[in-house]
Amino acid sequence: MVLPAPLTAVIESYDTDIDEKLLAEQKATTIQTTLYHYTTALGLKGILESQSIWFSDYRDLNDPSELLHGIAMCRDVTRGLANGSDSNVVELLKIVDELMTQRNFATRLDFFIACFSTERDDLGQWRAYADNGRGFALGLSPRFFQIQEKKGKQPDDNVFVGPVVYDVAQVLERHSSLLEPAIKVLLHEVERGCLGNDAVRDEFMWQLARSMVAGKLIWNCLTTKHPAYKHEQEVRLIILGSHEVLRPFIKTRIRGSDVVPYIAHAMPVREKHSIAEVIAGPAAPADAERTVRTLLESFDIDPNVAVGRSQTPYRAV
């Protein structure tokens, strides 16, 4: 059903307030330092050659709890808020819980992620992403990670940037900051007597819950990881949208015996001042710095780009 105009305006006002809050959060965490992408020698060559970064389907990232950890934290918050609350609040939070499932997202939205780190020499990432220490960390200028004020024409042009949150208390607070204002909105309309009609009440709660989930609670979940990954100090670039919209841009690659979907996103890394440095891994060949120099020169990349080597003691087995 169509909500009465005043109630539609209430939800739109909530949307605006929360969007401003999320934008303020993003601006407060604006990237101002070099970020590093750990990769193999083949991956480094591919990035320089294609001037693009591959965004992987979130289900193919290394953390098996991707998205699920954030969803579980959200449910912890909804359970806490529902305890002893008004029946209307309990019903609203129940709808949120029903919407916040991986199965529900999988049928409606696609999420593709490219991973970067503020850490330039992290053993865990050398092992996991850079050929067990034989690969490289590509350091890129902060200009690649700024908030986009203007959106691109193509769906895959619209990349969102978010530092990953590992601290459990901070994760719970992020979810609460979206849920609690929505509860206040609901209770205010109940007190005003605007939700006396059951059909109107149900539709209002459904639209309010959907507003919270669409791009808001989902964003929190996509930028949340288990504390065990804290050493990675990850910053994520995220492309999200409906499968129908993103489908023309989705390609696949083979990784072992798996078919991995990805989106290739343009990133002009050959432009001057785009690459801050390239770090060879702790188990890279002895002449890795020289060969990287040759690789950079073959693409006419600024010869002043710093090329170094990890200082982490590690012998690949």
C-alpha atoms as a PDB file:
ATOM      1  CA  MET A   1       0.000   0.000   0.000  1.00  0.00           C
ATOM      2  CA  VAL A   2       0.976   3.660  -0.366  1.00  0.00           C
ATOM      3  CA  LEU A   3       1.708   5.424   2.907  1.00  0.00           C
ATOM      4  CA  PRO A   4       0.079   8.772   3.679  1.00  0.00           C
ATOM      5  CA  ALA A   5       2.356  11.619   2.589  1.00  0.00           C
ATOM      6  CA  PRO A   6       3.214  12.748   6.160  1.00  0.00           C
ATOM      7  CA  LEU A   7       4.490   9.273   7.073  1.00  0.00           C
ATOM      8  CA  THR A   8       6.482   9.008   3.851  1.00  0.00           C
ATOM      9  CA  ALA A   9       8.059  12.343   4.768  1.00  0.00           C
ATOM     10  CA  VAL A  10       9.006  10.969   8.199  1.00  0.00           C
ATOM     11  CA  ILE A  11      10.911   8.065   6.618  1.00  0.00           C
ATOM     12  CA  GLU A  12      12.569  10.378   4.104  1.00  0.00           C
ATOM     13  CA  SER A  13      13.675  12.620   6.968  1.00  0.00           C
ATOM     14  CA  TYR A  14      15.181   9.615   8.778  1.00  0.00           C
ATOM     15  CA  ASP A  15      16.974   8.638   5.550  1.00  0.00           C
ATOM     16  CA  THR A  16      18.419  12.123   5.176  1.00  0.00           C
ATOM     17  CA  ASP A  17      19.603  12.291   8.778  1.00  0.00           C
ATOM     18  CA  ILE A  18      21.291   8.897   8.605  1.00  0.00           C
ATOM     19  CA  ASP A  19      22.861   9.606   5.200  1.00  0.00           C
ATOM     20  CA  GLU A  20      24.374  12.770   6.649  1.00  0.00           C
ATOM     21  CA  LYS A  21      25.663  10.799   9.626  1.00  0.00           C
ATOM     22  CA  LEU A  22      27.289   8.180   7.395  1.00  0.00           C
ATOM     23  CA  LEU A  23      28.809  10.856   5.166  1.00  0.00           C
ATOM     24  CA  ALA A  24      30.236  12.589   8.233  1.00  0.00           C
ATOM     25  CA  GLU A  25      31.683   9.251   9.373  1.00  0.00           C
ATOM     26  CA  GLN A  26      33.304   8.748   5.977  1.00  0.00           C
ATOM     27  CA  LYS A  27      34.735  12.262   5.931  1.00  0.00           C
ATOM     28  CA  ALA A  28      36.126  11.770   9.433  1.00  0.00           C
ATOM     29  CA  THR A  29      38.061   8.744   8.171  1.00  0.00           C
ATOM     30  CA  THR A  30      39.238  10.269   4.881  1.00  0.00           C
ATOM     31  CA  ILE A  31      42.348   8.452   3.680  1.00  0.00           C
ATOM     32  CA  GLN A  32      45.384  10.713   3.841  1.00  0.00           C
ATOM     33  CA  THR A  33      48.222   8.211   3.698  1.00  0.00           C
ATOM     34  CA  THR A  34      49.524   5.612   1.253  1.00  0.00           C
ATOM     35  CA  LEU A  35      47.526   2.376   1.140  1.00  0.00           C
ATOM     36  CA  TYR A  36      49.022  -0.977   0.188  1.00  0.00           C
ATOM     37  CA  HIS A  37      47.680  -3.792  -1.941  1.00  0.00           C
ATOM     38  CA  TYR A  38      49.404  -7.127  -1.293  1.00  0.00           C
ATOM     39  CA  THR A  39      49.618  -9.260  -4.407  1.00  0.00           C
ATOM     40  CA  THR A  40      51.678 -11.765  -6.360  1.00  0.00           C
ATOM     41  CA  ALA A  41      54.248 -10.878  -9.012  1.00  0.00           C
ATOM     42  CA  LEU A  42      51.667 -11.801 -11.665  1.00  0.00           C
ATOM     43  CA  GLY A  43      49.067  -9.664  -9.914  1.00  0.00           C
ATOM     44  CA  LEU A  44      51.411  -6.666  -9.790  1.00  0.00           C
ATOM     45  CA  LYS A  45      52.151  -6.947 -13.496  1.00  0.00           C
ATOM     46  CA  GLY A  46      48.439  -7.285 -14.248  1.00  0.00           C
ATOM     47  CA  ILE A  47      47.561  -4.123 -12.294  1.00  0.00           C
ATOM     48  CA  LEU A  48      50.243  -2.084 -14.056  1.00  0.00           C
ATOM     49  CA  GLU A  49      49.376  -3.503 -17.453  1.00  0.00           C
ATOM     50  CA  SER A  50      45.595  -3.117 -17.262  1.00  0.00           C
ATOM     51  CA  GLN A  51      45.561  -0.081 -14.943  1.00  0.00           C
ATOM     52  CA  SER A  52      42.729  -1.692 -13.058  1.00  0.00           C
ATOM     53  CA  ILE A  53      42.052  -3.410  -9.747  1.00  0.00           C
ATOM     54  CA  TRP A  54      39.909  -6.516  -9.543  1.00  0.00           C
ATOM     55  CA  PHE A  55      37.074  -6.303  -7.031  1.00  0.00           C
ATOM     56  CA  SER A  56      36.190  -9.818  -5.839  1.00  0.00           C
ATOM     57  CA  ASP A  57      32.784 -11.131  -4.837  1.00  0.00           C
ATOM     58  CA  TYR A  58      32.709 -10.863  -1.022  1.00  0.00           C
ATOM     59  CA  ARG A  59      32.016 -14.608  -0.738  1.00  0.00           C
ATOM     60  CA  ASP A  60      35.426 -15.353  -2.246  1.00  0.00           C
ATOM     61  CA  LEU A  61      37.494 -13.319   0.210  1.00  0.00           C
ATOM     62  CA  ASN A  62      39.766 -15.013   2.745  1.00  0.00           C
ATOM     63  CA  ASP A  63      37.535 -14.477   5.787  1.00  0.00           C
ATOM     64  CA  PRO A  64      34.814 -17.199   5.788  1.00  0.00           C
ATOM     65  CA  SER A  65      32.663 -15.033   8.066  1.00  0.00           C
ATOM     66  CA  GLU A  66      32.513 -12.102   5.611  1.00  0.00           C
ATOM     67  CA  LEU A  67      29.260 -10.202   6.155  1.00  0.00           C
ATOM     68  CA  LEU A  68      28.022 -12.862   8.606  1.00  0.00           C
ATOM     69  CA  HIS A  69      30.098 -11.433  11.464  1.00  0.00           C
ATOM     70  CA  GLY A  70      28.581  -7.994  10.976  1.00  0.00           C
ATOM     71  CA  ILE A  71      25.082  -9.475  10.716  1.00  0.00           C
ATOM     72  CA  ALA A  72      25.595 -11.417  13.949  1.00  0.00           C
ATOM     73  CA  MET A  73      26.690  -8.224  15.715  1.00  0.00           C
ATOM     74  CA  CYS A  74      23.593  -6.449  14.389  1.00  0.00           C
ATOM     75  CA  ARG A  75      21.369  -9.176  15.789  1.00  0.00           C
ATOM     76  CA  ASP A  76      23.050  -8.829  19.159  1.00  0.00           C
ATOM     77  CA  VAL A  77      22.001  -5.180  19.125  1.00  0.00           C
ATOM     78  CA  THR A  78      18.423  -5.862  18.001  1.00  0.00           C
ATOM     79  CA  ARG A  79      17.999  -8.490  20.715  1.00  0.00           C
ATOM     80  CA  GLY A  80      19.263  -6.081  23.338  1.00  0.00           C
ATOM     81  CA  LEU A  81      17.002  -3.258  22.169  1.00  0.00           C
ATOM     82  CA  ALA A  82      13.975  -5.550  21.952  1.00  0.00           C
ATOM     83  CA  ASN A  83      14.363  -6.814  25.523  1.00  0.00           C
ATOM     84  CA  GLY A  84      11.529  -5.278  27.560  1.00  0.00           C
ATOM     85  CA  SER A  85      10.563  -2.864  24.789  1.00  0.00           C
ATOM     86  CA  ASP A  86       7.183  -1.771  23.460  1.00  0.00           C
ATOM     87  CA  SER A  87       5.518  -4.381  21.225  1.00  0.00           C
ATOM     88  CA  ASN A  88       5.812  -2.036  18.244  1.00  0.00           C
ATOM     89  CA  VAL A  89       9.570  -1.818  18.759  1.00  0.00           C
ATOM     90  CA  VAL A  90       9.820  -5.590  19.047  1.00  0.00           C
ATOM     91  CA  GLU A  91       7.941  -5.972  15.758  1.00  0.00           C
ATOM     92  CA  LEU A  92      10.158  -3.424  13.980  1.00  0.00           C
ATOM     93  CA  LEU A  93      13.327  -5.160  15.153  1.00  0.00           C
ATOM     94  CA  LYS A  94      11.920  -8.528  14.114  1.00  0.00           C
ATOM     95  CA  ILE A  95      11.471  -7.188  10.576  1.00  0.00           C
ATOM     96  CA  VAL A  96      15.049  -5.887  10.609  1.00  0.00           C
ATOM     97  CA  ASP A  97      16.301  -9.328  11.679  1.00  0.00           C
ATOM     98  CA  GLU A  98      14.358 -10.984   8.870  1.00  0.00           C
ATOM     99  CA  LEU A  99      15.878  -8.603   6.338  1.00  0.00           C
ATOM    100  CA  MET A 100      19.405  -8.961   7.734  1.00  0.00           C
ATOM    101  CA  THR A 101      20.222 -12.395   6.356  1.00  0.00           C
ATOM    102  CA  GLN A 102      22.895 -13.394   3.861  1.00  0.00           C
ATOM    103  CA  ARG A 103      20.269 -15.330   1.901  1.00  0.00           C
ATOM    104  CA  ASN A 104      18.118 -12.212   1.559  1.00  0.00           C
ATOM    105  CA  PHE A 105      21.079 -10.159   0.370  1.00  0.00           C
ATOM    106  CA  ALA A 106      22.219 -12.831  -2.085  1.00  0.00           C
ATOM    107  CA  THR A 107      18.907 -12.716  -3.950  1.00  0.00           C
ATOM    108  CA  ARG A 108      18.863  -8.911  -4.202  1.00  0.00           C
ATOM    109  CA  LEU A 109      22.349  -7.402  -4.091  1.00  0.00           C
ATOM    110  CA  ASP A 110      25.908  -8.052  -5.179  1.00  0.00           C
ATOM    111  CA  PHE A 111      28.947  -6.816  -3.255  1.00  0.00           C
ATOM    112  CA  PHE A 112      32.424  -6.624  -4.765  1.00  0.00           C
ATOM    113  CA  ILE A 113      35.415  -5.656  -2.652  1.00  0.00           C
ATOM    114  CA  ALA A 114      39.027  -4.602  -3.232  1.00  0.00           C
ATOM    115  CA  CYS A 115      41.250  -4.773  -0.168  1.00  0.00           C
ATOM    116  CA  PHE A 116      44.008  -2.369   0.843  1.00  0.00           C
ATOM    117  CA  SER A 117      45.955  -1.854   4.039  1.00  0.00           C
ATOM    118  CA  THR A 118      47.575   0.973   5.960  1.00  0.00           C
ATOM    119  CA  GLU A 119      50.309  -1.550   6.913  1.00  0.00           C
ATOM    120  CA  ARG A 120      53.211  -1.669   4.458  1.00  0.00           C
ATOM    121  CA  ASP A 121      55.020  -4.672   5.914  1.00  0.00           C
ATOM    122  CA  ASP A 122      52.616  -7.090   7.593  1.00  0.00           C
ATOM    123  CA  LEU A 123      53.685 -10.747   7.809  1.00  0.00           C
ATOM    124  CA  GLY A 124      50.127 -12.081   7.859  1.00  0.00           C
ATOM    125  CA  GLN A 125      49.316 -10.345   4.597  1.00  0.00           C
ATOM    126  CA  TRP A 126      52.595 -11.388   2.973  1.00  0.00           C
ATOM    127  CA  ARG A 127      51.624 -14.969   3.732  1.00  0.00           C
ATOM    128  CA  ALA A 128      47.956 -14.772   2.799  1.00  0.00           C
ATOM    129  CA  TYR A 129      47.911 -12.541  -0.272  1.00  0.00           C
ATOM    130  CA  ALA A 130      51.449 -12.157  -1.631  1.00  0.00           C
ATOM    131  CA  ASP A 131      52.507 -15.664  -2.617  1.00  0.00           C
ATOM    132  CA  ASN A 132      53.664 -16.597   0.878  1.00  0.00           C
ATOM    133  CA  GLY A 133      56.047 -13.658   1.049  1.00  0.00           C
ATOM    134  CA  ARG A 134      57.356 -13.948  -2.522  1.00  0.00           C
ATOM    135  CA  GLY A 135      55.084 -11.220  -3.883  1.00  0.00           C
ATOM    136  CA  PHE A 136      54.788  -7.472  -3.499  1.00  0.00           C
ATOM    137  CA  ALA A 137      52.926  -4.675  -1.720  1.00  0.00           C
ATOM    138  CA  LEU A 138      51.878  -1.924  -4.137  1.00  0.00           C
ATOM    139  CA  GLY A 139      51.623   1.414  -2.326  1.00  0.00           C
ATOM    140  CA  LEU A 140      49.093   3.778  -3.914  1.00  0.00           C
ATOM    141  CA  SER A 141      48.440   7.483  -3.455  1.00  0.00           C
ATOM    142  CA  PRO A 142      45.607   8.553  -1.121  1.00  0.00           C
ATOM    143  CA  ARG A 143      43.916  10.280  -4.073  1.00  0.00           C
ATOM    144  CA  PHE A 144      42.567   6.919  -5.190  1.00  0.00           C
ATOM    145  CA  PHE A 145      40.643   6.573  -1.932  1.00  0.00           C
ATOM    146  CA  GLN A 146      38.772   9.860  -1.620  1.00  0.00           C
ATOM    147  CA  ILE A 147      34.996  10.084  -1.127  1.00  0.00           C
ATOM    148  CA  GLN A 148      33.227  10.574  -4.424  1.00  0.00           C
ATOM    149  CA  GLU A 149      31.107  13.718  -4.355  1.00  0.00           C
ATOM    150  CA  LYS A 150      29.909  13.083  -7.914  1.00  0.00           C
ATOM    151  CA  LYS A 151      28.861   9.649  -9.018  1.00  0.00           C
ATOM    152  CA  GLY A 152      29.948   8.128 -12.317  1.00  0.00           C
ATOM    153  CA  LYS A 153      27.692   7.210 -15.179  1.00  0.00           C
ATOM    154  CA  GLN A 154      28.338   3.472 -14.925  1.00  0.00           C
ATOM    155  CA  PRO A 155      27.368   1.392 -11.866  1.00  0.00           C
ATOM    156  CA  ASP A 156      30.926   0.153 -11.439  1.00  0.00           C
ATOM    157  CA  ASP A 157      32.179   3.763 -11.390  1.00  0.00           C
ATOM    158  CA  ASN A 158      30.582   4.289  -7.984  1.00  0.00           C
ATOM    159  CA  VAL A 159      33.121   2.967  -5.516  1.00  0.00           C
ATOM    160  CA  PHE A 160      32.635   3.498  -1.790  1.00  0.00           C
ATOM    161  CA  VAL A 161      35.566   3.698   0.620  1.00  0.00           C
ATOM    162  CA  GLY A 162      35.508   2.475   4.201  1.00  0.00           C
ATOM    163  CA  PRO A 163      38.120   1.567   6.831  1.00  0.00           C
ATOM    164  CA  VAL A 164      37.296  -1.805   8.388  1.00  0.00           C
ATOM    165  CA  VAL A 165      36.185  -1.833  12.044  1.00  0.00           C
ATOM    166  CA  TYR A 166      37.445  -4.703  14.221  1.00  0.00           C
ATOM    167  CA  ASP A 167      36.611  -3.545  17.751  1.00  0.00           C
ATOM    168  CA  VAL A 168      33.425  -5.296  18.912  1.00  0.00           C
ATOM    169  CA  ALA A 169      32.216  -2.378  21.048  1.00  0.00           C
ATOM    170  CA  GLN A 170      32.640   0.006  18.121  1.00  0.00           C
ATOM    171  CA  VAL A 171      30.787  -2.358  15.798  1.00  0.00           C
ATOM    172  CA  LEU A 172      27.854  -2.585  18.217  1.00  0.00           C
ATOM    173  CA  GLU A 173      27.800   1.207  18.580  1.00  0.00           C
ATOM    174  CA  ARG A 174      27.688   1.678  14.799  1.00  0.00           C
ATOM    175  CA  HIS A 175      24.641  -0.578  14.550  1.00  0.00           C
ATOM    176  CA  SER A 176      22.956   1.076  17.541  1.00  0.00           C
ATOM    177  CA  SER A 177      23.439   4.524  16.029  1.00  0.00           C
ATOM    178  CA  LEU A 178      21.197   3.481  13.133  1.00  0.00           C
ATOM    179  CA  LEU A 179      18.641   1.428  15.051  1.00  0.00           C
ATOM    180  CA  GLU A 180      17.985   3.710  18.009  1.00  0.00           C
ATOM    181  CA  PRO A 181      16.953   6.784  15.943  1.00  0.00           C
ATOM    182  CA  ALA A 182      14.563   4.570  13.953  1.00  0.00           C
ATOM    183  CA  ILE A 183      12.986   3.325  17.187  1.00  0.00           C
ATOM    184  CA  LYS A 184      12.489   6.928  18.322  1.00  0.00           C
ATOM    185  CA  VAL A 185      10.832   7.747  15.003  1.00  0.00           C
ATOM    186  CA  LEU A 186       8.479   4.782  15.367  1.00  0.00           C
ATOM    187  CA  LEU A 187       7.515   5.556  18.968  1.00  0.00           C
ATOM    188  CA  HIS A 188       6.948   9.212  18.115  1.00  0.00           C
ATOM    189  CA  GLU A 189       4.461   8.276  15.386  1.00  0.00           C
ATOM    190  CA  VAL A 190       2.742   5.791  17.726  1.00  0.00           C
ATOM    191  CA  GLU A 191       2.359   8.493  20.386  1.00  0.00           C
ATOM    192  CA  ARG A 192       0.928  10.870  17.819  1.00  0.00           C
ATOM    193  CA  GLY A 193      -1.702   8.264  16.947  1.00  0.00           C
ATOM    194  CA  CYS A 194      -0.615   8.131  13.312  1.00  0.00           C
ATOM    195  CA  LEU A 195      -0.303   4.314  13.252  1.00  0.00           C
ATOM    196  CA  GLY A 196      -3.743   3.329  14.552  1.00  0.00           C
ATOM    197  CA  ASN A 197      -4.612   1.597  11.296  1.00  0.00           C
ATOM    198  CA  ASP A 198      -2.944  -1.850  11.267  1.00  0.00           C
ATOM    199  CA  ALA A 199      -2.265  -1.800   7.526  1.00  0.00           C
ATOM    200  CA  VAL A 200      -0.645   1.644   7.750  1.00  0.00           C
ATOM    201  CA  ARG A 201       1.339   0.620  10.827  1.00  0.00           C
ATOM    202  CA  ASP A 202       2.670  -2.537   9.165  1.00  0.00           C
ATOM    203  CA  GLU A 203       3.644  -0.713   5.978  1.00  0.00           C
ATOM    204  CA  PHE A 204       5.334   2.089   7.932  1.00  0.00           C
ATOM    205  CA  MET A 205       7.415  -0.389   9.937  1.00  0.00           C
ATOM    206  CA  TRP A 206       8.312  -2.350   6.821  1.00  0.00           C
ATOM    207  CA  GLN A 207       9.495   0.747   4.973  1.00  0.00           C
ATOM    208  CA  LEU A 208      11.379   2.050   8.018  1.00  0.00           C
ATOM    209  CA  ALA A 209      13.118  -1.309   8.503  1.00  0.00           C
ATOM    210  CA  ARG A 210      13.989  -1.544   4.825  1.00  0.00           C
ATOM    211  CA  SER A 211      15.368   1.996   4.934  1.00  0.00           C
ATOM    212  CA  MET A 212      17.700   1.010   7.770  1.00  0.00           C
ATOM    213  CA  VAL A 213      18.956  -2.080   5.981  1.00  0.00           C
ATOM    214  CA  ALA A 214      19.356  -0.678   2.463  1.00  0.00           C
ATOM    215  CA  GLY A 215      22.871   0.700   2.263  1.00  0.00           C
ATOM    216  CA  LYS A 216      23.083   1.527   5.985  1.00  0.00           C
ATOM    217  CA  LEU A 217      23.224  -1.556   8.192  1.00  0.00           C
ATOM    218  CA  ILE A 218      24.582  -3.404   5.143  1.00  0.00           C
ATOM    219  CA  TRP A 219      27.415  -0.876   4.910  1.00  0.00           C
ATOM    220  CA  ASN A 220      28.272  -1.452   8.562  1.00  0.00           C
ATOM    221  CA  CYS A 221      28.408  -5.205   7.977  1.00  0.00           C
ATOM    222  CA  LEU A 222      30.576  -4.885   4.874  1.00  0.00           C
ATOM    223  CA  THR A 223      33.102  -2.770   6.777  1.00  0.00           C
ATOM    224  CA  THR A 224      33.236  -5.051   9.823  1.00  0.00           C
ATOM    225  CA  LYS A 225      35.614  -7.971  10.383  1.00  0.00           C
ATOM    226  CA  HIS A 226      36.437 -10.338  13.194  1.00  0.00           C
ATOM    227  CA  PRO A 227      39.081  -8.976  15.634  1.00  0.00           C
ATOM    228  CA  ALA A 228      41.420 -11.798  14.569  1.00  0.00           C
ATOM    229  CA  TYR A 229      42.058  -9.822  11.369  1.00  0.00           C
ATOM    230  CA  LYS A 230      42.916  -6.568  13.143  1.00  0.00           C
ATOM    231  CA  HIS A 231      46.593  -6.796  12.132  1.00  0.00           C
ATOM    232  CA  GLU A 232      45.542  -6.202   8.513  1.00  0.00           C
ATOM    233  CA  GLN A 233      44.305  -2.643   9.210  1.00  0.00           C
ATOM    234  CA  GLU A 234      42.198  -2.925   6.080  1.00  0.00           C
ATOM    235  CA  VAL A 235      40.559  -0.208   4.036  1.00  0.00           C
ATOM    236  CA  ARG A 236      37.918  -1.428   1.610  1.00  0.00           C
ATOM    237  CA  LEU A 237      36.786  -0.203  -1.754  1.00  0.00           C
ATOM    238  CA  ILE A 238      33.278  -1.522  -2.335  1.00  0.00           C
ATOM    239  CA  ILE A 239      31.009  -1.742  -5.371  1.00  0.00           C
ATOM    240  CA  LEU A 240      27.439  -2.680  -4.484  1.00  0.00           C
ATOM    241  CA  GLY A 241      24.237  -2.893  -6.448  1.00  0.00           C
ATOM    242  CA  SER A 242      21.537  -5.190  -7.726  1.00  0.00           C
ATOM    243  CA  HIS A 243      22.660  -8.213  -9.717  1.00  0.00           C
ATOM    244  CA  GLU A 244      20.731  -7.005 -12.762  1.00  0.00           C
ATOM    245  CA  VAL A 245      22.560  -3.663 -12.772  1.00  0.00           C
ATOM    246  CA  LEU A 246      26.047  -5.083 -12.144  1.00  0.00           C
ATOM    247  CA  ARG A 247      25.737  -8.231 -14.288  1.00  0.00           C
ATOM    248  CA  PRO A 248      27.174  -6.633 -17.496  1.00  0.00           C
ATOM    249  CA  PHE A 249      30.348  -5.747 -15.587  1.00  0.00           C
ATOM    250  CA  ILE A 250      30.934  -9.095 -13.852  1.00  0.00           C
ATOM    251  CA  LYS A 251      33.677 -11.351 -15.208  1.00  0.00           C
ATOM    252  CA  THR A 252      35.118 -14.587 -13.866  1.00  0.00           C
ATOM    253  CA  ARG A 253      38.582 -15.983 -13.250  1.00  0.00           C
ATOM    254  CA  ILE A 254      39.850 -19.375 -12.171  1.00  0.00           C
ATOM    255  CA  ARG A 255      41.544 -19.737  -8.780  1.00  0.00           C
ATOM    256  CA  GLY A 256      42.600 -23.312  -8.223  1.00  0.00           C
ATOM    257  CA  SER A 257      39.403 -25.260  -8.839  1.00  0.00           C
ATOM    258  CA  ASP A 258      37.118 -22.292  -8.086  1.00  0.00           C
ATOM    259  CA  VAL A 259      35.383 -19.926 -10.483  1.00  0.00           C
ATOM    260  CA  VAL A 260      35.659 -16.463  -8.884  1.00  0.00           C
ATOM    261  CA  PRO A 261      33.443 -13.557 -10.038  1.00  0.00           C
ATOM    262  CA  TYR A 262      35.064 -10.121 -10.148  1.00  0.00           C
ATOM    263  CA  ILE A 263      34.672  -6.605 -11.529  1.00  0.00           C
ATOM    264  CA  ALA A 264      37.691  -4.876 -13.087  1.00  0.00           C
ATOM    265  CA  HIS A 265      37.689  -1.259 -11.923  1.00  0.00           C
ATOM    266  CA  ALA A 266      39.816   1.324 -13.700  1.00  0.00           C
ATOM    267  CA  MET A 267      42.657   2.771 -11.625  1.00  0.00           C
ATOM    268  CA  PRO A 268      45.208   4.839 -13.609  1.00  0.00           C
ATOM    269  CA  VAL A 269      48.276   3.734 -11.672  1.00  0.00           C
ATOM    270  CA  ARG A 270      50.716   4.769 -14.402  1.00  0.00           C
ATOM    271  CA  GLU A 271      49.971   8.466 -13.919  1.00  0.00           C
ATOM    272  CA  LYS A 272      52.665  10.437 -12.120  1.00  0.00           C
ATOM    273  CA  HIS A 273      52.480  10.385  -8.311  1.00  0.00           C
ATOM    274  CA  SER A 274      49.975   7.491  -8.380  1.00  0.00           C
ATOM    275  CA  ILE A 275      52.387   4.871  -7.049  1.00  0.00           C
ATOM    276  CA  ALA A 276      54.117   5.851  -3.815  1.00  0.00           C
ATOM    277  CA  GLU A 277      56.299   2.753  -3.555  1.00  0.00           C
ATOM    278  CA  VAL A 278      56.573  -0.937  -4.277  1.00  0.00           C
ATOM    279  CA  ILE A 279      57.741  -3.276  -1.517  1.00  0.00           C
ATOM    280  CA  ALA A 280      59.180  -6.698  -2.316  1.00  0.00           C
ATOM    281  CA  GLY A 281      58.111  -9.441   0.064  1.00  0.00           C
ATOM    282  CA  PRO A 282      60.424 -11.011   2.659  1.00  0.00           C
ATOM    283  CA  ALA A 283      60.797 -14.175   0.578  1.00  0.00           C
ATOM    284  CA  ALA A 284      60.986 -12.481  -2.835  1.00  0.00           C
ATOM    285  CA  PRO A 285      63.997 -13.319  -5.049  1.00  0.00           C
ATOM    286  CA  ALA A 286      67.248 -11.552  -4.199  1.00  0.00           C
ATOM    287  CA  ASP A 287      67.068  -9.369  -7.319  1.00  0.00           C
ATOM    288  CA  ALA A 288      63.356  -8.501  -6.907  1.00  0.00           C
ATOM    289  CA  GLU A 289      64.030  -4.775  -6.549  1.00  0.00           C
ATOM    290  CA  ARG A 290      65.887  -4.720  -9.872  1.00  0.00           C
ATOM    291  CA  THR A 291      63.204  -6.654 -11.718  1.00  0.00           C
ATOM    292  CA  VAL A 292      60.503  -4.388 -10.304  1.00  0.00           C
ATOM    293  CA  ARG A 293      62.424  -1.384 -11.600  1.00  0.00           C
ATOM    294  CA  THR A 294      62.496  -3.013 -15.022  1.00  0.00           C
ATOM    295  CA  LEU A 295      58.771  -3.703 -14.812  1.00  0.00           C
ATOM    296  CA  LEU A 296      57.994  -0.088 -13.920  1.00  0.00           C
ATOM    297  CA  GLU A 297      60.224   1.212 -16.711  1.00  0.00           C
ATOM    298  CA  SER A 298      58.480  -1.028 -19.249  1.00  0.00           C
ATOM    299  CA  PHE A 299      55.270   0.914 -18.561  1.00  0.00           C
ATOM    300  CA  ASP A 300      56.988   4.345 -18.523  1.00  0.00           C
ATOM    301  CA  ILE A 301      56.184   4.765 -14.840  1.00  0.00           C
ATOM    302  CA  ASP A 302      57.963   7.526 -12.937  1.00  0.00           C
ATOM    303  CA  PRO A 303      61.541   6.290 -12.301  1.00  0.00           C
ATOM    304  CA  ASN A 304      61.503   8.084  -8.940  1.00  0.00           C
ATOM    305  CA  VAL A 305      58.997   5.628  -7.490  1.00  0.00           C
ATOM    306  CA  ALA A 306      60.545   4.100  -4.363  1.00  0.00           C
ATOM    307  CA  VAL A 307      61.261   0.378  -4.540  1.00  0.00           C
ATOM    308  CA  GLY A 308      62.176  -1.416  -1.322  1.00  0.00           C
ATOM    309  CA  ARG A 309      62.096  -4.714   0.487  1.00  0.00           C
ATOM    310  CA  SER A 310      60.251  -6.017   3.516  1.00  0.00           C
ATOM    311  CA  GLN A 311      62.177  -5.888   6.769  1.00  0.00           C
ATOM    312  CA  THR A 312      60.184  -8.775   8.214  1.00  0.00           C
ATOM    313  CA  PRO A 313      62.354 -11.873   8.829  1.00  0.00           C
ATOM    314  CA  TYR A 314      60.625 -14.738   7.082  1.00  0.00           C
ATOM    315  CA  ARG A 315      61.656 -17.815   5.121  1.00  0.00           C
ATOM    316  CA  ALA A 316      58.966 -19.296   2.842  1.00  0.00           C
ATOM    317  CA  VAL A 317      58.633 -23.053   3.074  1.00  0.00           C
END
